[in-house]
Amino acid sequence: MEAFVSRKRRRLSPTISGQLGVPVDNAVLVTEEDSTELKLAILASLHPYIEQRLLLDILLASEGSVEVASQVLLTETATPSPSKKNAGSAYQSSLSTFTVPKNTSTASSKRIKALTKKGRTLHLYSPEDIAAHTPCSIIHNFLPAQDADDLLKELLVEAPTFERQTFKLFDNVVQSPHSACFYVDSLDEEKKQKTEYLYNGSYLTDVRQITPHMRQVSSKVQFAVNTEIAIRIRTQYPEGKKLRFQSSTEWVPNAAFVNCYNGGGESVGYHSDQLTYLGPRTVIGSLSLGVAREFRVRRVVPRDDPGEPEDTGGSPVKDTKKDTLRADAEGQVSIHLPHNSLLVMHAEMQEEWKHSIHPSPAIDPHPIAGNKRMNVTYRCYRDDFHPRYTPRCKCNVATVLRCVQRKKENWGRYFWMCHAGLVPGKDGCTFFQWAEFDDDGVPPWAQKPSRDKIG
């Protein structure tokens, strides 16, 4: 960083010298040894109400120019930090307001990008920043207040009967760190889920029909998610086109996992959601109700180590020491999820990022939910990924779909593998098969009816 920010020794410009109240002839010289610290000190004296880590982001984005960084900061005044109400969150001024002036000599004339850095967590709150710097978009106050409260109350009645899933992970039997339940659209689908669909190698025993308020909200989630998908394609993806393997049909939620986090200690480690029945480049709509919690994401960086295996569990209990160290080394982004917020996890999320719910040592109780956070993750189960179509392994069990994330050689490729071994007391087989899809993510065995294009 020193080499990047440092420049040849030169005097401060008349503009900066004037802001500091220093005569131009006596202006401070920037030296090679102290350039970063000195530049930050100058910026801090000019902008005392902006935290230092944001000053550093602006300075780096301004290619080390104190004058450009100061002009950027003067364009918009950051809001003073509010008092921190709990130890699990932090304040971050909106990054989208800080833009490099176009009339400067710097080569950087685009929106400043606040990238994650080693050992740091970047806290984002505004929808603009979240859309620009993560694979997500967020809608605050998504439902009318009464509708959100009614759905929350309905789910709080259901929550005491939720279960914690038990499964095998790396030869150890583990239990999910929070409780959950699976909901589907109809009685017929409920029966199918209990007898035809496998999760972590076994059948779900508790599958329920969606509640009345969940059904009412579903259509609103469908409209909002499809709108956000269209915006994402138009504003974030190359040439305004959907990603390869992303479905071109309308996203229709027909199932939902409902998670209950009872207190700040209940969490979920870094993981990617299973693609087996959703297909590649899937989109998920996640509605948060009750206590606000911290949702963290980090980009998956492929490794050169040929001996390091791919993740095979796909489970939410992934908060291993190695995964935590990676998040710290590569940097992570924290998204604040308040009551009645809809987070859309877009098509690049599951293959290129991992996400988690971070433990919180202190939380603000919700007037209805108390210490609980209820989370409804709406999903679009695809008929062409029903287990009667997908490959079966040597155990005669429908296989699970995964994506290569760790090895550079095949990074981004999909494959089918056995997951029978995830059931405690059972051993799986060595079945492996590369998965193939067309550009719309349709597997080779599926018929191709006419599709309503979305991008």
Protein backbone atom coordinates (compact mmCIF):
# COMPACT_ATOMS: atom_id res chain seq x y z
CA MET A 1 0.00 0.00 0.00
CA GLU A 2 2.91 2.37 0.76
CA ALA A 3 4.26 1.92 -2.74
CA PHE A 4 0.87 2.59 -4.25
CA VAL A 5 0.00 5.72 -2.28
CA SER A 6 3.50 7.19 -2.26
CA ARG A 7 4.59 9.64 -4.94
CA LYS A 8 7.66 11.74 -5.50
CA ARG A 9 8.33 14.40 -2.91
CA ARG A 10 6.30 17.51 -3.65
CA ARG A 11 4.67 20.43 -1.88
CA LEU A 12 1.01 20.49 -1.01
CA SER A 13 -1.11 22.37 -3.50
CA PRO A 14 -2.26 25.93 -2.73
CA THR A 15 -5.81 24.60 -2.31
CA ILE A 16 -4.88 22.13 0.42
CA SER A 17 -2.43 24.54 2.04
CA GLY A 18 -5.18 27.14 2.20
CA GLN A 19 -7.61 24.69 3.80
CA LEU A 20 -4.98 23.85 6.42
CA GLY A 21 -4.17 27.51 7.03
CA VAL A 22 -0.51 27.00 6.06
CA PRO A 23 1.32 29.48 3.81
CA VAL A 24 2.18 27.96 0.47
CA ASP A 25 5.89 28.62 0.94
CA ASN A 26 5.86 26.73 4.25
CA ALA A 27 3.66 23.86 3.08
CA VAL A 28 4.48 20.40 4.39
CA LEU A 29 6.54 18.14 2.15
CA VAL A 30 5.27 14.61 1.53
CA THR A 31 8.14 12.16 2.00
CA GLU A 32 8.55 8.62 0.74
CA GLU A 33 8.76 7.22 4.26
CA ASP A 34 5.70 8.87 5.80
CA SER A 35 3.47 9.45 2.80
CA THR A 36 0.50 7.28 3.75
CA GLU A 37 0.36 8.33 7.39
CA LEU A 38 0.91 11.98 6.52
CA LYS A 39 -1.74 12.03 3.82
CA LEU A 40 -4.26 10.42 6.17
CA ALA A 41 -3.35 12.93 8.87
CA ILE A 42 -3.92 15.80 6.45
CA LEU A 43 -7.27 14.40 5.34
CA ALA A 44 -8.27 13.79 8.96
CA SER A 45 -7.50 17.40 9.87
CA LEU A 46 -9.56 18.63 6.93
CA HIS A 47 -12.45 16.21 7.54
CA PRO A 48 -12.47 15.41 11.27
CA TYR A 49 -15.95 13.83 11.28
CA ILE A 50 -15.13 11.06 8.80
CA GLU A 51 -13.70 7.81 10.14
CA GLN A 52 -10.14 6.95 9.11
CA ARG A 53 -10.91 3.72 7.27
CA LEU A 54 -13.25 5.58 4.92
CA LEU A 55 -10.61 8.28 4.44
CA LEU A 56 -8.18 5.55 3.42
CA ASP A 57 -10.67 4.11 0.92
CA ILE A 58 -11.16 7.53 -0.66
CA LEU A 59 -7.41 8.19 -0.71
CA LEU A 60 -6.67 4.88 -2.44
CA ALA A 61 -9.45 5.41 -4.96
CA SER A 62 -8.02 8.87 -5.66
CA GLU A 63 -4.66 7.24 -6.52
CA GLY A 64 -2.96 8.75 -3.49
CA SER A 65 -3.83 12.36 -4.28
CA VAL A 66 -4.74 14.28 -1.13
CA GLU A 67 -6.13 17.14 -3.22
CA VAL A 68 -8.45 14.87 -5.25
CA ALA A 69 -9.54 12.95 -2.14
CA SER A 70 -10.32 16.21 -0.32
CA GLN A 71 -12.34 17.51 -3.28
CA VAL A 72 -14.30 14.24 -3.31
CA LEU A 73 -15.04 14.52 0.40
CA LEU A 74 -16.03 18.17 0.11
CA THR A 75 -18.54 17.31 -2.61
CA GLU A 76 -20.67 15.41 -0.11
CA THR A 77 -20.39 15.64 3.67
CA ALA A 78 -20.54 12.29 5.40
CA THR A 79 -23.13 11.91 8.14
CA PRO A 80 -21.55 11.78 11.64
CA SER A 81 -21.49 8.33 13.13
CA PRO A 82 -24.47 7.53 15.32
CA SER A 83 -23.93 5.88 18.67
CA LYS A 84 -23.48 2.16 18.33
CA LYS A 85 -26.39 0.34 19.89
CA ASN A 86 -24.87 -3.10 19.83
CA ALA A 87 -21.49 -4.67 19.43
CA GLY A 88 -22.49 -6.68 16.40
CA SER A 89 -22.86 -3.76 13.98
CA ALA A 90 -20.85 -0.77 12.83
CA TYR A 91 -21.52 2.48 11.00
CA GLN A 92 -20.55 3.13 7.42
CA SER A 93 -21.29 6.31 5.53
CA SER A 94 -22.86 5.82 2.12
CA LEU A 95 -20.08 5.20 -0.37
CA SER A 96 -22.25 6.04 -3.35
CA THR A 97 -22.14 9.76 -2.50
CA PHE A 98 -18.38 9.98 -2.90
CA THR A 99 -17.46 10.50 -6.55
CA VAL A 100 -14.21 11.65 -8.09
CA PRO A 101 -14.57 15.05 -9.81
CA LYS A 102 -14.40 14.72 -13.58
CA ASN A 103 -12.22 17.80 -14.01
CA THR A 104 -9.28 16.43 -12.03
CA SER A 105 -6.08 15.12 -13.52
CA THR A 106 -6.46 11.69 -12.00
CA ALA A 107 -7.25 8.76 -14.27
CA SER A 108 -9.97 7.62 -11.90
CA SER A 109 -13.15 9.44 -12.97
CA LYS A 110 -15.57 6.67 -12.08
CA ARG A 111 -17.55 5.94 -8.94
CA ILE A 112 -15.25 5.06 -6.07
CA LYS A 113 -15.17 1.36 -5.33
CA ALA A 114 -14.82 0.48 -1.65
CA LEU A 115 -13.25 -2.95 -1.94
CA THR A 116 -12.80 -5.40 0.91
CA LYS A 117 -9.32 -5.54 2.35
CA LYS A 118 -7.34 -8.00 4.40
CA GLY A 119 -8.46 -8.26 7.99
CA ARG A 120 -11.37 -5.86 7.56
CA THR A 121 -15.15 -6.02 7.40
CA LEU A 122 -16.83 -3.39 5.23
CA HIS A 123 -20.26 -2.50 6.65
CA LEU A 124 -22.83 -1.44 4.06
CA TYR A 125 -26.32 -0.08 4.72
CA SER A 126 -27.63 1.81 1.71
CA PRO A 127 -29.30 -0.12 -1.15
CA GLU A 128 -27.06 1.66 -3.67
CA ASP A 129 -23.85 0.52 -1.97
CA ILE A 130 -25.12 -3.03 -1.48
CA ALA A 131 -26.06 -3.37 -5.15
CA ALA A 132 -22.73 -1.93 -6.30
CA HIS A 133 -20.40 -3.92 -4.06
CA THR A 134 -22.12 -7.26 -3.38
CA PRO A 135 -24.10 -9.90 -5.33
CA CYS A 136 -27.26 -8.69 -3.58
CA SER A 137 -29.87 -5.97 -3.66
CA ILE A 138 -32.07 -4.93 -0.76
CA ILE A 139 -35.49 -3.34 -0.34
CA HIS A 140 -36.13 -1.76 3.05
CA ASN A 141 -39.69 -1.55 4.45
CA PHE A 142 -40.71 -4.08 1.83
CA LEU A 143 -44.21 -4.83 3.09
CA PRO A 144 -46.83 -2.52 4.59
CA ALA A 145 -46.05 -2.44 8.30
CA GLN A 146 -49.19 -4.33 9.33
CA ASP A 147 -48.59 -7.07 6.74
CA ALA A 148 -45.03 -7.56 7.99
CA ASP A 149 -46.22 -7.78 11.60
CA ASP A 150 -48.99 -10.22 10.72
CA LEU A 151 -46.58 -12.53 8.91
CA LEU A 152 -44.10 -12.31 11.77
CA LYS A 153 -46.75 -13.23 14.34
CA GLU A 154 -47.86 -16.16 12.21
CA LEU A 155 -44.31 -17.50 11.94
CA LEU A 156 -43.60 -17.01 15.64
CA VAL A 157 -46.48 -19.42 16.35
CA GLU A 158 -44.87 -21.96 14.01
CA ALA A 159 -41.28 -21.51 15.21
CA PRO A 160 -41.38 -23.53 18.49
CA THR A 161 -41.99 -26.70 16.45
CA PHE A 162 -39.10 -26.13 14.02
CA GLU A 163 -36.31 -28.72 14.00
CA ARG A 164 -32.53 -28.61 13.92
CA GLN A 165 -31.23 -30.78 11.13
CA THR A 166 -28.57 -33.36 12.04
CA PHE A 167 -26.10 -34.64 9.46
CA LYS A 168 -22.51 -35.81 8.99
CA LEU A 169 -19.74 -33.34 8.16
CA PHE A 170 -16.16 -34.51 7.73
CA ASP A 171 -16.84 -37.72 9.69
CA ASN A 172 -18.45 -35.77 12.55
CA VAL A 173 -22.16 -35.69 13.34
CA VAL A 174 -23.22 -32.06 13.63
CA GLN A 175 -26.43 -30.18 14.23
CA SER A 176 -27.65 -27.04 12.50
CA PRO A 177 -26.88 -23.92 14.61
CA HIS A 178 -30.48 -22.67 14.23
CA SER A 179 -33.90 -24.20 13.69
CA ALA A 180 -35.78 -24.26 10.37
CA CYS A 181 -38.73 -25.69 8.50
CA PHE A 182 -39.53 -26.23 4.81
CA TYR A 183 -42.75 -24.94 3.26
CA VAL A 184 -44.29 -25.73 -0.15
CA ASP A 185 -47.31 -24.59 -2.16
CA SER A 186 -49.62 -27.60 -1.96
CA LEU A 187 -50.45 -30.87 -0.21
CA ASP A 188 -49.34 -32.81 -3.28
CA GLU A 189 -45.95 -31.07 -3.26
CA GLU A 190 -45.66 -31.73 0.47
CA LYS A 191 -45.96 -35.48 -0.15
CA LYS A 192 -43.41 -35.34 -2.97
CA GLN A 193 -40.89 -33.48 -0.84
CA LYS A 194 -41.08 -36.12 1.89
CA THR A 195 -40.60 -39.06 -0.49
CA GLU A 196 -38.69 -37.85 -3.57
CA TYR A 197 -36.32 -35.04 -2.61
CA LEU A 198 -33.11 -35.59 -0.65
CA TYR A 199 -31.36 -32.98 1.49
CA ASN A 200 -27.87 -33.74 2.78
CA GLY A 201 -28.46 -37.35 1.82
CA SER A 202 -31.79 -37.91 3.60
CA TYR A 203 -35.49 -37.07 3.34
CA LEU A 204 -37.08 -34.21 5.25
CA THR A 205 -39.59 -35.37 7.84
CA ASP A 206 -41.17 -31.98 8.51
CA VAL A 207 -42.53 -30.35 5.34
CA ARG A 208 -45.54 -28.04 5.59
CA GLN A 209 -47.86 -26.10 3.33
CA ILE A 210 -47.19 -22.39 3.27
CA THR A 211 -49.18 -20.35 5.76
CA PRO A 212 -51.93 -17.94 4.66
CA HIS A 213 -49.79 -14.83 5.15
CA MET A 214 -46.80 -16.46 3.43
CA ARG A 215 -49.01 -17.18 0.43
CA GLN A 216 -50.25 -13.59 0.40
CA VAL A 217 -46.71 -12.21 0.52
CA SER A 218 -45.38 -14.64 -2.10
CA SER A 219 -46.83 -12.73 -5.07
CA LYS A 220 -45.29 -9.50 -3.81
CA VAL A 221 -41.92 -11.19 -3.44
CA GLN A 222 -42.23 -12.60 -6.96
CA PHE A 223 -42.86 -9.17 -8.48
CA ALA A 224 -40.08 -7.50 -6.50
CA VAL A 225 -37.48 -10.18 -7.23
CA ASN A 226 -38.19 -10.19 -10.98
CA THR A 227 -37.95 -6.41 -10.99
CA GLU A 228 -34.60 -6.56 -9.18
CA ILE A 229 -33.33 -9.24 -11.59
CA ALA A 230 -34.13 -7.00 -14.56
CA ILE A 231 -32.39 -4.04 -12.92
CA ARG A 232 -29.36 -6.19 -12.10
CA ILE A 233 -29.03 -7.42 -15.66
CA ARG A 234 -29.38 -3.93 -17.09
CA THR A 235 -27.03 -2.13 -14.69
CA GLN A 236 -24.50 -4.66 -13.40
CA TYR A 237 -23.92 -7.40 -15.98
CA PRO A 238 -21.67 -7.13 -19.07
CA GLU A 239 -23.47 -5.65 -22.10
CA GLY A 240 -26.73 -5.66 -20.15
CA LYS A 241 -27.20 -9.41 -20.69
CA LYS A 242 -28.02 -12.13 -18.19
CA LEU A 243 -25.21 -14.39 -17.01
CA ARG A 244 -24.46 -17.61 -18.81
CA PHE A 245 -26.52 -20.48 -17.33
CA GLN A 246 -28.92 -18.01 -15.70
CA SER A 247 -32.52 -18.94 -16.44
CA SER A 248 -34.32 -16.79 -19.00
CA THR A 249 -37.77 -17.56 -17.56
CA GLU A 250 -39.65 -15.64 -14.93
CA TRP A 251 -38.69 -16.36 -11.34
CA VAL A 252 -41.66 -17.96 -9.56
CA PRO A 253 -41.34 -18.82 -5.84
CA ASN A 254 -42.92 -22.19 -5.07
CA ALA A 255 -41.07 -23.19 -1.88
CA ALA A 256 -39.46 -21.55 1.12
CA PHE A 257 -37.13 -22.44 3.95
CA VAL A 258 -38.09 -20.53 7.09
CA ASN A 259 -35.22 -20.06 9.53
CA CYS A 260 -35.50 -19.07 13.18
CA TYR A 261 -32.52 -17.47 14.95
CA ASN A 262 -33.37 -17.39 18.65
CA GLY A 263 -30.99 -14.85 20.16
CA GLY A 264 -27.70 -13.37 19.00
CA GLY A 265 -25.79 -16.58 19.66
CA GLU A 266 -27.62 -18.54 16.96
CA SER A 267 -25.93 -18.11 13.61
CA VAL A 268 -24.94 -19.86 10.40
CA GLY A 269 -21.39 -20.15 9.08
CA TYR A 270 -20.12 -19.35 5.62
CA HIS A 271 -21.77 -21.53 2.98
CA SER A 272 -23.36 -21.62 -0.45
CA ASP A 273 -26.95 -22.81 -0.87
CA GLN A 274 -27.58 -26.08 -2.68
CA LEU A 275 -28.30 -25.82 -6.41
CA THR A 276 -29.58 -29.36 -6.92
CA TYR A 277 -33.27 -28.54 -7.39
CA LEU A 278 -32.87 -24.86 -8.27
CA GLY A 279 -30.39 -25.15 -11.13
CA PRO A 280 -27.29 -23.05 -11.87
CA ARG A 281 -27.21 -19.29 -11.35
CA THR A 282 -30.28 -19.40 -9.14
CA VAL A 283 -31.87 -16.39 -7.45
CA ILE A 284 -33.27 -16.40 -3.89
CA GLY A 285 -35.51 -13.84 -2.20
CA SER A 286 -34.84 -13.57 1.54
CA LEU A 287 -37.33 -11.73 3.77
CA SER A 288 -36.14 -10.74 7.26
CA LEU A 289 -38.58 -10.21 10.12
CA GLY A 290 -38.00 -9.45 13.79
CA VAL A 291 -34.56 -8.74 15.25
CA ALA A 292 -32.03 -7.10 12.93
CA ARG A 293 -28.97 -9.25 12.24
CA GLU A 294 -25.72 -9.01 10.32
CA PHE A 295 -25.52 -10.84 6.97
CA ARG A 296 -21.94 -11.27 5.79
CA VAL A 297 -20.69 -12.16 2.32
CA ARG A 298 -17.24 -12.86 0.94
CA ARG A 299 -16.05 -13.59 -2.56
CA VAL A 300 -14.75 -17.11 -3.20
CA VAL A 301 -11.12 -16.96 -4.33
CA PRO A 302 -9.96 -20.10 -6.19
CA ARG A 303 -6.75 -21.74 -4.94
CA ASP A 304 -3.76 -23.30 -6.62
CA ASP A 305 -3.44 -26.09 -4.04
CA PRO A 306 -4.28 -29.30 -5.98
CA GLY A 307 -4.59 -31.27 -2.74
CA GLU A 308 -7.36 -29.14 -1.28
CA PRO A 309 -10.76 -30.80 -1.77
CA GLU A 310 -13.93 -29.09 -2.87
CA ASP A 311 -16.69 -28.49 -0.34
CA THR A 312 -18.84 -31.61 -0.42
CA GLY A 313 -21.36 -30.96 2.32
CA GLY A 314 -23.13 -27.87 1.09
CA SER A 315 -24.33 -27.49 4.64
CA PRO A 316 -24.76 -24.28 6.61
CA VAL A 317 -22.40 -25.54 9.31
CA LYS A 318 -19.31 -24.33 7.48
CA ASP A 319 -17.81 -21.92 9.99
CA THR A 320 -14.57 -23.86 10.23
CA LYS A 321 -11.37 -22.20 11.40
CA LYS A 322 -9.98 -22.27 7.85
CA ASP A 323 -13.10 -20.60 6.41
CA THR A 324 -13.05 -17.92 9.09
CA LEU A 325 -9.36 -17.22 8.45
CA ARG A 326 -10.07 -16.87 4.73
CA ALA A 327 -12.84 -14.38 5.36
CA ASP A 328 -10.43 -12.36 7.50
CA ALA A 329 -7.59 -12.62 4.97
CA GLU A 330 -9.70 -11.78 1.91
CA GLY A 331 -12.03 -9.28 3.52
CA GLN A 332 -15.78 -9.52 3.89
CA VAL A 333 -18.82 -7.32 3.52
CA SER A 334 -21.48 -6.98 6.19
CA ILE A 335 -25.07 -6.13 5.21
CA HIS A 336 -27.47 -4.94 7.91
CA LEU A 337 -30.80 -6.78 7.68
CA PRO A 338 -33.51 -4.90 9.60
CA HIS A 339 -37.08 -5.99 10.18
CA ASN A 340 -39.21 -6.05 7.01
CA SER A 341 -36.32 -6.02 4.54
CA LEU A 342 -36.16 -8.13 1.37
CA LEU A 343 -32.67 -9.20 0.29
CA VAL A 344 -32.32 -10.58 -3.23
CA MET A 345 -29.38 -12.93 -3.71
CA HIS A 346 -28.65 -12.65 -7.40
CA ALA A 347 -27.42 -15.18 -9.97
CA GLU A 348 -23.71 -14.85 -9.10
CA MET A 349 -24.16 -15.40 -5.36
CA GLN A 350 -24.09 -19.17 -4.90
CA GLU A 351 -21.26 -19.91 -7.36
CA GLU A 352 -18.92 -16.99 -6.67
CA TRP A 353 -19.64 -15.93 -3.09
CA LYS A 354 -20.39 -17.40 0.32
CA HIS A 355 -22.69 -15.95 2.93
CA SER A 356 -23.37 -16.25 6.64
CA ILE A 357 -25.34 -14.85 9.56
CA HIS A 358 -22.77 -13.52 12.00
CA PRO A 359 -23.15 -14.10 15.77
CA SER A 360 -24.05 -10.95 17.67
CA PRO A 361 -22.97 -10.50 21.30
CA ALA A 362 -25.74 -7.94 21.81
CA ILE A 363 -29.00 -7.33 19.96
CA ASP A 364 -31.87 -4.88 20.20
CA PRO A 365 -35.05 -6.80 21.07
CA HIS A 366 -37.94 -6.45 18.65
CA PRO A 367 -41.29 -5.37 20.14
CA ILE A 368 -43.05 -8.42 18.66
CA ALA A 369 -40.31 -11.03 18.11
CA GLY A 370 -38.26 -10.38 21.24
CA ASN A 371 -34.81 -11.84 20.54
CA LYS A 372 -35.88 -13.86 17.49
CA ARG A 373 -35.17 -13.26 13.82
CA MET A 374 -37.48 -15.04 11.37
CA ASN A 375 -36.14 -15.41 7.84
CA VAL A 376 -38.22 -16.61 4.87
CA THR A 377 -36.06 -17.65 1.90
CA TYR A 378 -38.31 -17.93 -1.15
CA ARG A 379 -37.00 -20.28 -3.85
CA CYS A 380 -37.94 -21.36 -7.35
CA TYR A 381 -37.85 -25.17 -7.58
CA ARG A 382 -37.50 -26.19 -11.22
CA ASP A 383 -39.36 -29.13 -12.77
CA ASP A 384 -36.40 -30.00 -14.99
CA PHE A 385 -34.26 -30.57 -11.88
CA HIS A 386 -36.64 -33.02 -10.22
CA PRO A 387 -34.63 -35.98 -8.82
CA ARG A 388 -36.31 -38.40 -11.23
CA TYR A 389 -34.25 -36.74 -13.99
CA THR A 390 -30.91 -36.08 -12.34
CA PRO A 391 -28.05 -38.63 -12.43
CA ARG A 392 -28.02 -41.39 -9.83
CA CYS A 393 -24.86 -42.54 -8.11
CA LYS A 394 -23.61 -46.08 -7.43
CA CYS A 395 -25.70 -46.04 -4.23
CA ASN A 396 -28.77 -45.63 -6.48
CA VAL A 397 -29.42 -42.25 -4.89
CA ALA A 398 -30.13 -39.05 -6.80
CA THR A 399 -26.95 -36.98 -6.84
CA VAL A 400 -26.34 -33.43 -5.68
CA LEU A 401 -25.28 -30.54 -7.95
CA ARG A 402 -22.21 -28.55 -6.99
CA CYS A 403 -19.92 -25.94 -8.51
CA VAL A 404 -16.11 -25.93 -8.41
CA GLN A 405 -15.10 -23.00 -6.21
CA ARG A 406 -11.65 -23.71 -4.83
CA LYS A 407 -9.52 -24.98 -7.70
CA LYS A 408 -8.49 -22.57 -10.42
CA GLU A 409 -8.20 -25.31 -13.03
CA ASN A 410 -11.94 -26.01 -13.23
CA TRP A 411 -13.32 -22.98 -11.38
CA GLY A 412 -16.99 -22.40 -12.19
CA ARG A 413 -17.69 -25.85 -13.65
CA TYR A 414 -20.65 -27.80 -12.32
CA PHE A 415 -20.65 -31.46 -11.32
CA TRP A 416 -22.91 -34.18 -9.90
CA MET A 417 -21.72 -36.23 -6.94
CA CYS A 418 -22.97 -38.66 -4.30
CA HIS A 419 -24.18 -37.19 -1.01
CA ALA A 420 -25.48 -40.36 0.67
CA GLY A 421 -22.45 -40.23 2.96
CA LEU A 422 -23.76 -37.11 4.66
CA VAL A 423 -26.28 -39.21 6.58
CA PRO A 424 -24.95 -40.30 10.01
CA GLY A 425 -24.13 -44.01 9.96
CA LYS A 426 -23.97 -44.27 6.15
CA ASP A 427 -21.13 -44.25 3.67
CA GLY A 428 -21.38 -42.74 0.21
CA CYS A 429 -19.70 -43.73 -3.04
CA THR A 430 -17.15 -42.06 -5.31
CA PHE A 431 -19.57 -41.14 -8.10
CA PHE A 432 -18.60 -37.99 -10.04
CA GLN A 433 -19.93 -36.57 -13.29
CA TRP A 434 -19.47 -33.18 -14.91
CA ALA A 435 -22.79 -31.36 -15.42
CA GLU A 436 -23.71 -29.76 -18.73
CA PHE A 437 -26.29 -27.04 -19.40
CA ASP A 438 -27.26 -24.78 -22.26
CA ASP A 439 -26.87 -21.00 -21.94
CA ASP A 440 -30.21 -20.78 -20.10
CA GLY A 441 -29.14 -23.38 -17.52
CA VAL A 442 -31.36 -26.14 -18.96
CA PRO A 443 -29.97 -29.70 -18.53
CA PRO A 444 -29.69 -31.96 -21.60
CA TRP A 445 -32.58 -34.24 -20.60
CA ALA A 446 -35.14 -31.42 -20.34
CA GLN A 447 -37.51 -30.43 -23.07
CA LYS A 448 -37.30 -26.81 -24.16
CA PRO A 449 -40.73 -25.17 -24.28
CA SER A 450 -41.07 -21.54 -25.33
CA ARG A 451 -39.62 -19.22 -22.72
CA ASP A 452 -40.46 -15.65 -21.77
CA LYS A 453 -37.13 -13.87 -21.94
CA ILE A 454 -36.14 -11.55 -19.08
CA GLY A 455 -32.82 -10.29 -20.37
